[in-house]
Every structure is written in structure tokens, then in C-alpha cells.
Amino acid sequence: MRNLLTCYRWPLVTFILTLLVGYAARSAIGRVYSAAEAVDLLNALSRAGLYLGSAIATASATIIALMLTLVGMIRRMDEDFDHGAYRDVAMVGRLSAMTLLVSLFLLMAFALPIGEFEELPSEWFANVYNGLFAGTVVMVGLSAATVVLIYTTLLRVMAKITPGGEV
């Protein structure tokens, strides 16, 4: 566990900061008081969530494909890369896969016609809204952590292949 925190400090910090910003945004929105208000909030979240989810799903799938290319490039260029470079590439792949799965589940949830369920208790709509909002924040946090990890991995690879060693 300590090794995980040491190796992936900045992606973890980025993920936690994103969660805190999401929590602050949810707190700023305030409490959902009625089913009608929750349905309006769900419709607004669904419109934005569909675009955000599809963009993040596309980015995650692309990152996974690019990580395969990077592994091939590292393998061909030099076999002296330390295990840390491969570990980072594997972690980017894991984060991208998790982000892709979360975004696909959210896209499926956002596609439901929320306003059509009139027989459900009003708390249900507030719970669905909170769950979808939390899922969206986690999806963005995973995506942000992936970007930071890609950056640190890129610096590691560039430091290894750059003549003179300065990046």
C-alpha cells in the first residue's frame, strides 16, 4: 500500500481533489426538496452527462490503444527500461479501463427516461440524482488521474530516451 501511495502520489492527489470539487459542487446545489425538482435536476444532469460520458469513454478507449503502442515502442527501443515504466503503463491501462466502464454504466443510466417514472416515491429521484452525480464525479476524477499518470509516465519514458538526460 505504501508503494502505491509513493508511486502514484500525484494521480491520487488529482483524484481526491476532483472528488472534493465534486462534493463542493453538490453541496452548492443544495438539498433536493421534491420529486419535481429532482426530475428537473436529473434531466439537466442527463443532458450534460451524455456528452461528458461519451467524450470520456472515447478518450479512455483511445488511451488504452495508445498504451499498447507505447509498450511496443518501449520494447523495441530499449530493453533497459525499469519495471516502473511498465508498471506505470499498466496502471494507465487499469485506470482507463475503470474510467471506460464507469462512463459506459453512466451512459446507460443517463439514457433512461427518468421523467416517465411517476409512481415512484420522491426520495427515489433524489437518490438517483445523488448517485448519478457521484458517478459523474468519480468518472471525471478517474479521467483526471489518468491524465496526470500519463504525464508522469511520459516524463519517465522521455527521460530515458532523450540524449543528455534532461527533459
N, C-alpha and C. Protein backbone atom coordinates (compact mmCIF):
# COMPACT_ATOMS: atom_id res chain seq x y z
N MET A 1 0.83 -1.20 0.00
CA MET A 1 0.00 0.00 0.00
C MET A 1 0.87 1.26 0.00
N ARG A 2 1.94 1.22 0.80
CA ARG A 2 2.83 2.38 0.85
C ARG A 2 3.47 2.64 -0.50
N ASN A 3 3.86 1.56 -1.19
CA ASN A 3 4.45 1.69 -2.52
C ASN A 3 3.45 2.32 -3.49
N LEU A 4 2.20 1.93 -3.37
CA LEU A 4 1.15 2.50 -4.23
C LEU A 4 1.03 4.00 -4.01
N LEU A 5 1.02 4.42 -2.74
CA LEU A 5 0.91 5.84 -2.43
C LEU A 5 2.14 6.62 -2.87
N THR A 6 3.30 6.00 -2.77
CA THR A 6 4.54 6.67 -3.18
C THR A 6 4.62 6.79 -4.70
N CYS A 7 4.33 5.72 -5.40
CA CYS A 7 4.47 5.71 -6.86
C CYS A 7 3.41 6.55 -7.56
N TYR A 8 2.23 6.58 -6.99
CA TYR A 8 1.12 7.25 -7.68
C TYR A 8 0.57 8.41 -6.86
N ARG A 9 1.46 9.14 -6.24
CA ARG A 9 1.06 10.25 -5.38
C ARG A 9 0.26 11.30 -6.14
N TRP A 10 0.77 11.78 -7.27
CA TRP A 10 0.10 12.87 -7.99
C TRP A 10 -1.21 12.46 -8.63
N PRO A 11 -1.30 11.29 -9.24
CA PRO A 11 -2.63 10.89 -9.73
C PRO A 11 -3.65 10.74 -8.60
N LEU A 12 -3.19 10.23 -7.45
CA LEU A 12 -4.09 10.07 -6.31
C LEU A 12 -4.53 11.44 -5.77
N VAL A 13 -3.61 12.38 -5.67
CA VAL A 13 -3.95 13.73 -5.24
C VAL A 13 -4.95 14.36 -6.21
N THR A 14 -4.73 14.16 -7.50
CA THR A 14 -5.65 14.70 -8.52
C THR A 14 -7.03 14.10 -8.37
N PHE A 15 -7.10 12.79 -8.15
CA PHE A 15 -8.39 12.12 -7.97
C PHE A 15 -9.12 12.66 -6.74
N ILE A 16 -8.40 12.78 -5.63
CA ILE A 16 -9.02 13.27 -4.39
C ILE A 16 -9.47 14.72 -4.55
N LEU A 17 -8.66 15.56 -5.18
CA LEU A 17 -9.07 16.95 -5.40
C LEU A 17 -10.31 17.04 -6.28
N THR A 18 -10.40 16.19 -7.28
CA THR A 18 -11.58 16.18 -8.14
C THR A 18 -12.81 15.76 -7.34
N LEU A 19 -12.65 14.76 -6.48
CA LEU A 19 -13.77 14.35 -5.62
C LEU A 19 -14.20 15.49 -4.69
N LEU A 20 -13.24 16.22 -4.14
CA LEU A 20 -13.57 17.33 -3.26
C LEU A 20 -14.29 18.45 -4.01
N VAL A 21 -13.85 18.74 -5.22
CA VAL A 21 -14.54 19.76 -6.03
C VAL A 21 -15.96 19.29 -6.36
N GLY A 22 -16.11 18.02 -6.68
CA GLY A 22 -17.44 17.47 -6.95
C GLY A 22 -18.34 17.55 -5.73
N TYR A 23 -17.79 17.25 -4.57
CA TYR A 23 -18.56 17.34 -3.32
C TYR A 23 -18.97 18.79 -3.06
N ALA A 24 -18.04 19.71 -3.30
CA ALA A 24 -18.35 21.13 -3.11
C ALA A 24 -19.43 21.58 -4.08
N ALA A 25 -19.36 21.09 -5.32
CA ALA A 25 -20.40 21.45 -6.31
C ALA A 25 -21.75 20.89 -5.89
N ARG A 26 -21.75 19.66 -5.41
CA ARG A 26 -23.02 19.06 -4.97
C ARG A 26 -23.56 19.79 -3.76
N SER A 27 -22.70 20.22 -2.85
CA SER A 27 -23.13 20.98 -1.69
C SER A 27 -23.67 22.35 -2.11
N ALA A 28 -23.08 22.94 -3.12
CA ALA A 28 -23.54 24.25 -3.60
C ALA A 28 -24.93 24.16 -4.23
N ILE A 29 -25.22 23.02 -4.85
CA ILE A 29 -26.54 22.83 -5.45
C ILE A 29 -27.61 22.79 -4.36
N GLY A 30 -27.25 22.21 -3.24
CA GLY A 30 -28.17 22.16 -2.10
C GLY A 30 -28.98 20.88 -2.07
N ARG A 31 -29.90 20.85 -1.14
CA ARG A 31 -30.73 19.67 -0.93
C ARG A 31 -31.85 19.62 -1.97
N VAL A 32 -32.19 18.42 -2.40
CA VAL A 32 -33.29 18.22 -3.34
C VAL A 32 -34.56 18.06 -2.51
N TYR A 33 -35.51 18.99 -2.68
CA TYR A 33 -36.68 19.03 -1.81
C TYR A 33 -37.90 18.29 -2.33
N SER A 34 -38.01 18.12 -3.64
CA SER A 34 -39.21 17.47 -4.16
C SER A 34 -38.86 16.61 -5.36
N ALA A 35 -39.79 15.74 -5.73
CA ALA A 35 -39.58 14.86 -6.88
C ALA A 35 -39.50 15.67 -8.16
N ALA A 36 -40.32 16.72 -8.27
CA ALA A 36 -40.32 17.55 -9.49
C ALA A 36 -38.96 18.24 -9.64
N GLU A 37 -38.42 18.75 -8.54
CA GLU A 37 -37.11 19.39 -8.59
C GLU A 37 -36.03 18.37 -8.94
N ALA A 38 -36.13 17.18 -8.38
CA ALA A 38 -35.15 16.13 -8.68
C ALA A 38 -35.21 15.72 -10.13
N VAL A 39 -36.41 15.63 -10.70
CA VAL A 39 -36.56 15.27 -12.11
C VAL A 39 -35.92 16.35 -12.99
N ASP A 40 -36.14 17.63 -12.65
CA ASP A 40 -35.52 18.71 -13.42
C ASP A 40 -34.00 18.64 -13.33
N LEU A 41 -33.47 18.40 -12.13
CA LEU A 41 -32.03 18.26 -11.96
C LEU A 41 -31.49 17.04 -12.72
N LEU A 42 -32.24 15.95 -12.68
CA LEU A 42 -31.83 14.74 -13.41
C LEU A 42 -31.80 14.97 -14.91
N ASN A 43 -32.79 15.68 -15.43
CA ASN A 43 -32.81 15.98 -16.86
C ASN A 43 -31.62 16.84 -17.26
N ALA A 44 -31.31 17.85 -16.43
CA ALA A 44 -30.14 18.70 -16.71
C ALA A 44 -28.85 17.89 -16.64
N LEU A 45 -28.72 17.06 -15.61
CA LEU A 45 -27.53 16.23 -15.46
C LEU A 45 -27.42 15.23 -16.60
N SER A 46 -28.54 14.68 -17.04
CA SER A 46 -28.52 13.70 -18.12
C SER A 46 -28.03 14.31 -19.43
N ARG A 47 -28.50 15.51 -19.73
CA ARG A 47 -28.06 16.16 -20.98
C ARG A 47 -26.55 16.38 -20.97
N ALA A 48 -26.04 16.92 -19.89
CA ALA A 48 -24.59 17.16 -19.81
C ALA A 48 -23.83 15.85 -19.67
N GLY A 49 -24.38 14.92 -18.91
CA GLY A 49 -23.71 13.64 -18.66
C GLY A 49 -23.55 12.79 -19.90
N LEU A 50 -24.51 12.85 -20.80
CA LEU A 50 -24.39 12.07 -22.03
C LEU A 50 -23.19 12.53 -22.86
N TYR A 51 -23.01 13.84 -22.99
CA TYR A 51 -21.87 14.36 -23.74
C TYR A 51 -20.56 14.08 -23.02
N LEU A 52 -20.54 14.34 -21.73
CA LEU A 52 -19.33 14.13 -20.95
C LEU A 52 -18.96 12.64 -20.92
N GLY A 53 -19.94 11.79 -20.69
CA GLY A 53 -19.69 10.35 -20.65
C GLY A 53 -19.18 9.80 -21.97
N SER A 54 -19.77 10.25 -23.07
CA SER A 54 -19.32 9.74 -24.37
C SER A 54 -17.92 10.26 -24.70
N ALA A 55 -17.61 11.49 -24.32
CA ALA A 55 -16.27 12.02 -24.57
C ALA A 55 -15.23 11.27 -23.74
N ILE A 56 -15.55 11.01 -22.48
CA ILE A 56 -14.60 10.30 -21.61
C ILE A 56 -14.46 8.84 -22.02
N ALA A 57 -15.56 8.22 -22.46
CA ALA A 57 -15.47 6.84 -22.95
C ALA A 57 -14.57 6.77 -24.18
N THR A 58 -14.72 7.71 -25.08
CA THR A 58 -13.88 7.75 -26.29
C THR A 58 -12.41 7.96 -25.91
N ALA A 59 -12.17 8.90 -24.99
CA ALA A 59 -10.80 9.17 -24.58
C ALA A 59 -10.18 7.95 -23.90
N SER A 60 -10.93 7.28 -23.06
CA SER A 60 -10.41 6.10 -22.34
C SER A 60 -10.07 4.97 -23.30
N ALA A 61 -10.94 4.72 -24.26
CA ALA A 61 -10.67 3.68 -25.25
C ALA A 61 -9.43 4.02 -26.08
N THR A 62 -9.28 5.28 -26.42
CA THR A 62 -8.11 5.72 -27.18
C THR A 62 -6.84 5.57 -26.35
N ILE A 63 -6.90 5.92 -25.08
CA ILE A 63 -5.73 5.80 -24.20
C ILE A 63 -5.30 4.35 -24.09
N ILE A 64 -6.24 3.44 -23.97
CA ILE A 64 -5.89 2.01 -23.88
C ILE A 64 -5.15 1.58 -25.15
N ALA A 65 -5.65 1.98 -26.31
CA ALA A 65 -4.99 1.63 -27.56
C ALA A 65 -3.59 2.26 -27.65
N LEU A 66 -3.46 3.49 -27.20
CA LEU A 66 -2.15 4.15 -27.24
C LEU A 66 -1.16 3.53 -26.26
N MET A 67 -1.65 3.02 -25.14
CA MET A 67 -0.75 2.36 -24.18
C MET A 67 -0.18 1.08 -24.79
N LEU A 68 -0.97 0.38 -25.58
CA LEU A 68 -0.45 -0.80 -26.28
C LEU A 68 0.66 -0.39 -27.24
N THR A 69 0.48 0.72 -27.93
CA THR A 69 1.51 1.23 -28.83
C THR A 69 2.76 1.62 -28.05
N LEU A 70 2.58 2.26 -26.92
CA LEU A 70 3.72 2.68 -26.10
C LEU A 70 4.51 1.48 -25.61
N VAL A 71 3.83 0.43 -25.19
CA VAL A 71 4.54 -0.77 -24.74
C VAL A 71 5.38 -1.34 -25.87
N GLY A 72 4.82 -1.39 -27.07
CA GLY A 72 5.58 -1.88 -28.22
C GLY A 72 6.77 -1.00 -28.52
N MET A 73 6.59 0.30 -28.41
CA MET A 73 7.68 1.24 -28.68
C MET A 73 8.79 1.08 -27.64
N ILE A 74 8.42 0.98 -26.39
CA ILE A 74 9.43 0.82 -25.33
C ILE A 74 10.19 -0.49 -25.54
N ARG A 75 9.48 -1.52 -25.89
CA ARG A 75 10.09 -2.84 -26.07
C ARG A 75 11.10 -2.83 -27.21
N ARG A 76 10.75 -2.16 -28.31
CA ARG A 76 11.63 -2.12 -29.47
C ARG A 76 12.84 -1.22 -29.26
N MET A 77 12.63 -0.11 -28.54
CA MET A 77 13.70 0.88 -28.42
C MET A 77 14.83 0.42 -27.52
N ASP A 78 14.46 -0.08 -26.37
CA ASP A 78 15.49 -0.38 -25.39
C ASP A 78 14.91 -1.31 -24.34
N GLU A 79 15.64 -2.34 -24.04
CA GLU A 79 15.16 -3.26 -23.02
C GLU A 79 15.66 -2.89 -21.63
N ASP A 80 16.29 -1.73 -21.50
CA ASP A 80 16.82 -1.30 -20.21
C ASP A 80 15.81 -0.51 -19.39
N PHE A 81 14.58 -0.41 -19.86
CA PHE A 81 13.58 0.32 -19.08
C PHE A 81 13.32 -0.42 -17.79
N ASP A 82 13.21 0.35 -16.73
CA ASP A 82 12.96 -0.26 -15.44
C ASP A 82 11.51 -0.74 -15.36
N HIS A 83 11.25 -1.53 -14.36
CA HIS A 83 9.90 -2.07 -14.19
C HIS A 83 8.89 -0.97 -13.90
N GLY A 84 9.36 0.15 -13.38
CA GLY A 84 8.47 1.27 -13.08
C GLY A 84 7.76 1.80 -14.31
N ALA A 85 8.45 1.85 -15.44
CA ALA A 85 7.82 2.33 -16.68
C ALA A 85 6.70 1.39 -17.11
N TYR A 86 6.96 0.09 -17.04
CA TYR A 86 5.93 -0.88 -17.39
C TYR A 86 4.79 -0.86 -16.38
N ARG A 87 5.12 -0.70 -15.11
CA ARG A 87 4.11 -0.62 -14.06
C ARG A 87 3.19 0.59 -14.29
N ASP A 88 3.80 1.73 -14.66
CA ASP A 88 3.01 2.93 -14.92
C ASP A 88 2.09 2.75 -16.13
N VAL A 89 2.61 2.12 -17.17
CA VAL A 89 1.79 1.87 -18.36
C VAL A 89 0.63 0.94 -18.01
N ALA A 90 0.92 -0.08 -17.20
CA ALA A 90 -0.15 -1.00 -16.78
C ALA A 90 -1.19 -0.27 -15.94
N MET A 91 -0.75 0.64 -15.07
CA MET A 91 -1.70 1.39 -14.24
C MET A 91 -2.53 2.35 -15.10
N VAL A 92 -1.93 2.95 -16.11
CA VAL A 92 -2.70 3.79 -17.03
C VAL A 92 -3.79 2.95 -17.70
N GLY A 93 -3.41 1.74 -18.11
CA GLY A 93 -4.40 0.84 -18.71
C GLY A 93 -5.52 0.50 -17.75
N ARG A 94 -5.17 0.20 -16.48
CA ARG A 94 -6.21 -0.10 -15.47
C ARG A 94 -7.14 1.08 -15.24
N LEU A 95 -6.54 2.26 -15.05
CA LEU A 95 -7.37 3.45 -14.82
C LEU A 95 -8.26 3.75 -16.02
N SER A 96 -7.71 3.60 -17.21
CA SER A 96 -8.51 3.84 -18.42
C SER A 96 -9.65 2.83 -18.54
N ALA A 97 -9.37 1.58 -18.21
CA ALA A 97 -10.42 0.57 -18.27
C ALA A 97 -11.51 0.86 -17.24
N MET A 98 -11.12 1.23 -16.02
CA MET A 98 -12.12 1.58 -15.00
C MET A 98 -12.93 2.80 -15.43
N THR A 99 -12.26 3.80 -15.97
CA THR A 99 -12.95 5.01 -16.43
C THR A 99 -13.92 4.67 -17.55
N LEU A 100 -13.49 3.82 -18.47
CA LEU A 100 -14.36 3.41 -19.57
C LEU A 100 -15.59 2.67 -19.05
N LEU A 101 -15.40 1.76 -18.10
CA LEU A 101 -16.55 1.04 -17.54
C LEU A 101 -17.51 1.96 -16.80
N VAL A 102 -16.98 2.87 -15.99
CA VAL A 102 -17.85 3.82 -15.28
C VAL A 102 -18.61 4.68 -16.27
N SER A 103 -17.93 5.15 -17.31
CA SER A 103 -18.62 6.00 -18.29
C SER A 103 -19.68 5.22 -19.06
N LEU A 104 -19.43 3.95 -19.35
CA LEU A 104 -20.44 3.16 -20.05
C LEU A 104 -21.67 2.92 -19.17
N PHE A 105 -21.44 2.62 -17.89
CA PHE A 105 -22.58 2.45 -16.97
C PHE A 105 -23.37 3.75 -16.82
N LEU A 106 -22.65 4.86 -16.73
CA LEU A 106 -23.34 6.14 -16.62
C LEU A 106 -24.10 6.48 -17.89
N LEU A 107 -23.52 6.20 -19.04
CA LEU A 107 -24.24 6.45 -20.29
C LEU A 107 -25.53 5.63 -20.35
N MET A 108 -25.44 4.40 -19.90
CA MET A 108 -26.64 3.56 -19.86
C MET A 108 -27.67 4.15 -18.90
N ALA A 109 -27.23 4.62 -17.74
CA ALA A 109 -28.15 5.20 -16.75
C ALA A 109 -28.74 6.51 -17.25
N PHE A 110 -27.92 7.33 -17.90
CA PHE A 110 -28.41 8.62 -18.40
C PHE A 110 -29.41 8.46 -19.54
N ALA A 111 -29.38 7.31 -20.20
CA ALA A 111 -30.30 7.08 -21.31
C ALA A 111 -31.71 6.71 -20.85
N LEU A 112 -31.87 6.41 -19.56
CA LEU A 112 -33.21 6.08 -19.05
C LEU A 112 -34.11 7.31 -19.07
N PRO A 113 -35.36 7.14 -19.45
CA PRO A 113 -36.29 8.28 -19.43
C PRO A 113 -36.79 8.53 -18.00
N ILE A 114 -36.05 9.29 -17.25
CA ILE A 114 -36.30 9.48 -15.82
C ILE A 114 -37.68 10.07 -15.53
N GLY A 115 -38.10 11.01 -16.31
CA GLY A 115 -39.38 11.68 -16.06
C GLY A 115 -40.59 10.80 -16.24
N GLU A 116 -40.42 9.64 -16.82
CA GLU A 116 -41.55 8.75 -17.10
C GLU A 116 -41.98 7.93 -15.89
N PHE A 117 -41.16 7.89 -14.85
CA PHE A 117 -41.47 7.07 -13.68
C PHE A 117 -42.20 7.90 -12.63
N GLU A 118 -43.52 8.02 -12.78
CA GLU A 118 -44.29 8.90 -11.90
C GLU A 118 -44.79 8.20 -10.64
N GLU A 119 -44.81 6.89 -10.62
CA GLU A 119 -45.35 6.14 -9.48
C GLU A 119 -44.33 5.91 -8.36
N LEU A 120 -43.12 6.33 -8.56
CA LEU A 120 -42.06 6.07 -7.59
C LEU A 120 -42.06 7.12 -6.47
N PRO A 121 -41.59 6.75 -5.30
CA PRO A 121 -41.52 7.73 -4.20
C PRO A 121 -40.54 8.86 -4.53
N SER A 122 -40.79 10.02 -3.96
CA SER A 122 -39.98 11.20 -4.29
C SER A 122 -38.52 11.03 -3.85
N GLU A 123 -38.25 10.25 -2.78
CA GLU A 123 -36.87 10.05 -2.35
C GLU A 123 -36.06 9.31 -3.41
N TRP A 124 -36.74 8.49 -4.19
CA TRP A 124 -36.06 7.71 -5.21
C TRP A 124 -35.36 8.63 -6.20
N PHE A 125 -36.03 9.69 -6.63
CA PHE A 125 -35.45 10.61 -7.61
C PHE A 125 -34.23 11.32 -7.03
N ALA A 126 -34.31 11.73 -5.77
CA ALA A 126 -33.17 12.39 -5.13
C ALA A 126 -32.00 11.42 -5.00
N ASN A 127 -32.27 10.17 -4.67
CA ASN A 127 -31.20 9.17 -4.56
C ASN A 127 -30.57 8.88 -5.92
N VAL A 128 -31.38 8.79 -6.95
CA VAL A 128 -30.85 8.57 -8.30
C VAL A 128 -29.98 9.75 -8.71
N TYR A 129 -30.47 10.96 -8.44
CA TYR A 129 -29.68 12.15 -8.78
C TYR A 129 -28.34 12.14 -8.05
N ASN A 130 -28.36 11.88 -6.75
CA ASN A 130 -27.11 11.85 -5.99
C ASN A 130 -26.17 10.76 -6.51
N GLY A 131 -26.71 9.60 -6.84
CA GLY A 131 -25.89 8.51 -7.37
C GLY A 131 -25.27 8.84 -8.71
N LEU A 132 -26.08 9.42 -9.61
CA LEU A 132 -25.56 9.78 -10.93
C LEU A 132 -24.55 10.92 -10.84
N PHE A 133 -24.80 11.87 -9.95
CA PHE A 133 -23.86 12.96 -9.76
C PHE A 133 -22.54 12.42 -9.22
N ALA A 134 -22.61 11.53 -8.23
CA ALA A 134 -21.40 10.93 -7.66
C ALA A 134 -20.66 10.11 -8.72
N GLY A 135 -21.40 9.35 -9.53
CA GLY A 135 -20.76 8.58 -10.59
C GLY A 135 -20.06 9.46 -11.60
N THR A 136 -20.68 10.59 -11.91
CA THR A 136 -20.07 11.53 -12.85
C THR A 136 -18.79 12.11 -12.27
N VAL A 137 -18.81 12.45 -10.99
CA VAL A 137 -17.61 13.00 -10.34
C VAL A 137 -16.51 11.94 -10.31
N VAL A 138 -16.84 10.71 -10.00
CA VAL A 138 -15.83 9.63 -9.99
C VAL A 138 -15.26 9.43 -11.39
N MET A 139 -16.13 9.47 -12.41
CA MET A 139 -15.67 9.30 -13.78
C MET A 139 -14.69 10.41 -14.16
N VAL A 140 -15.01 11.65 -13.82
CA VAL A 140 -14.11 12.77 -14.13
C VAL A 140 -12.82 12.64 -13.31
N GLY A 141 -12.94 12.22 -12.05
CA GLY A 141 -11.75 12.05 -11.21
C GLY A 141 -10.82 10.98 -11.75
N LEU A 142 -11.37 9.87 -12.19
CA LEU A 142 -10.54 8.81 -12.79
C LEU A 142 -9.88 9.30 -14.06
N SER A 143 -10.62 10.05 -14.84
CA SER A 143 -10.06 10.60 -16.08
C SER A 143 -8.93 11.58 -15.78
N ALA A 144 -9.12 12.44 -14.79
CA ALA A 144 -8.07 13.40 -14.42
C ALA A 144 -6.84 12.69 -13.88
N ALA A 145 -7.03 11.67 -13.05
CA ALA A 145 -5.91 10.90 -12.52
C ALA A 145 -5.16 10.20 -13.66
N THR A 146 -5.89 9.72 -14.64
CA THR A 146 -5.26 9.06 -15.79
C THR A 146 -4.40 10.04 -16.57
N VAL A 147 -4.89 11.26 -16.75
CA VAL A 147 -4.12 12.27 -17.47
C VAL A 147 -2.81 12.58 -16.73
N VAL A 148 -2.90 12.74 -15.42
CA VAL A 148 -1.69 13.03 -14.63
C VAL A 148 -0.73 11.85 -14.69
N LEU A 149 -1.24 10.64 -14.62
CA LEU A 149 -0.37 9.47 -14.70
C LEU A 149 0.27 9.34 -16.08
N ILE A 150 -0.48 9.65 -17.11
CA ILE A 150 0.11 9.63 -18.47
C ILE A 150 1.25 10.64 -18.55
N TYR A 151 1.03 11.80 -17.98
CA TYR A 151 2.07 12.84 -17.99
C TYR A 151 3.33 12.36 -17.26
N THR A 152 3.18 11.80 -16.07
CA THR A 152 4.36 11.35 -15.33
C THR A 152 5.04 10.16 -16.03
N THR A 153 4.24 9.30 -16.64
CA THR A 153 4.82 8.18 -17.40
C THR A 153 5.57 8.69 -18.62
N LEU A 154 5.00 9.67 -19.30
CA LEU A 154 5.66 10.26 -20.46
C LEU A 154 6.99 10.89 -20.06
N LEU A 155 7.01 11.58 -18.93
CA LEU A 155 8.27 12.16 -18.46
C LEU A 155 9.31 11.08 -18.18
N ARG A 156 8.88 9.96 -17.60
CA ARG A 156 9.80 8.86 -17.30
C ARG A 156 10.37 8.28 -18.60
N VAL A 157 9.52 8.07 -19.59
CA VAL A 157 9.98 7.50 -20.86
C VAL A 157 10.88 8.49 -21.59
N MET A 158 10.48 9.75 -21.61
CA MET A 158 11.29 10.76 -22.30
C MET A 158 12.65 10.94 -21.63
N ALA A 159 12.70 10.87 -20.31
CA ALA A 159 13.98 10.99 -19.61
C ALA A 159 14.90 9.84 -19.99
N LYS A 160 14.32 8.69 -20.25
CA LYS A 160 15.13 7.52 -20.58
C LYS A 160 15.67 7.58 -22.01
N ILE A 161 14.88 8.13 -22.94
CA ILE A 161 15.29 8.08 -24.36
C ILE A 161 15.89 9.39 -24.85
N THR A 162 15.82 10.46 -24.07
CA THR A 162 16.35 11.75 -24.51
C THR A 162 17.87 11.77 -24.34
N PRO A 163 18.58 12.13 -25.40
CA PRO A 163 20.03 12.25 -25.26
C PRO A 163 20.38 13.35 -24.26
N GLY A 164 21.31 13.12 -23.40
CA GLY A 164 21.71 14.10 -22.40
C GLY A 164 20.92 13.98 -21.12
N GLY A 165 19.77 13.34 -21.15
CA GLY A 165 19.02 13.06 -19.93
C GLY A 165 18.18 14.21 -19.38
N GLU A 166 18.15 15.38 -20.01
CA GLU A 166 17.34 16.48 -19.49
C GLU A 166 16.02 16.56 -20.22
N VAL A 167 14.94 16.53 -19.45
CA VAL A 167 13.60 16.65 -20.02
C VAL A 167 12.91 17.81 -19.36
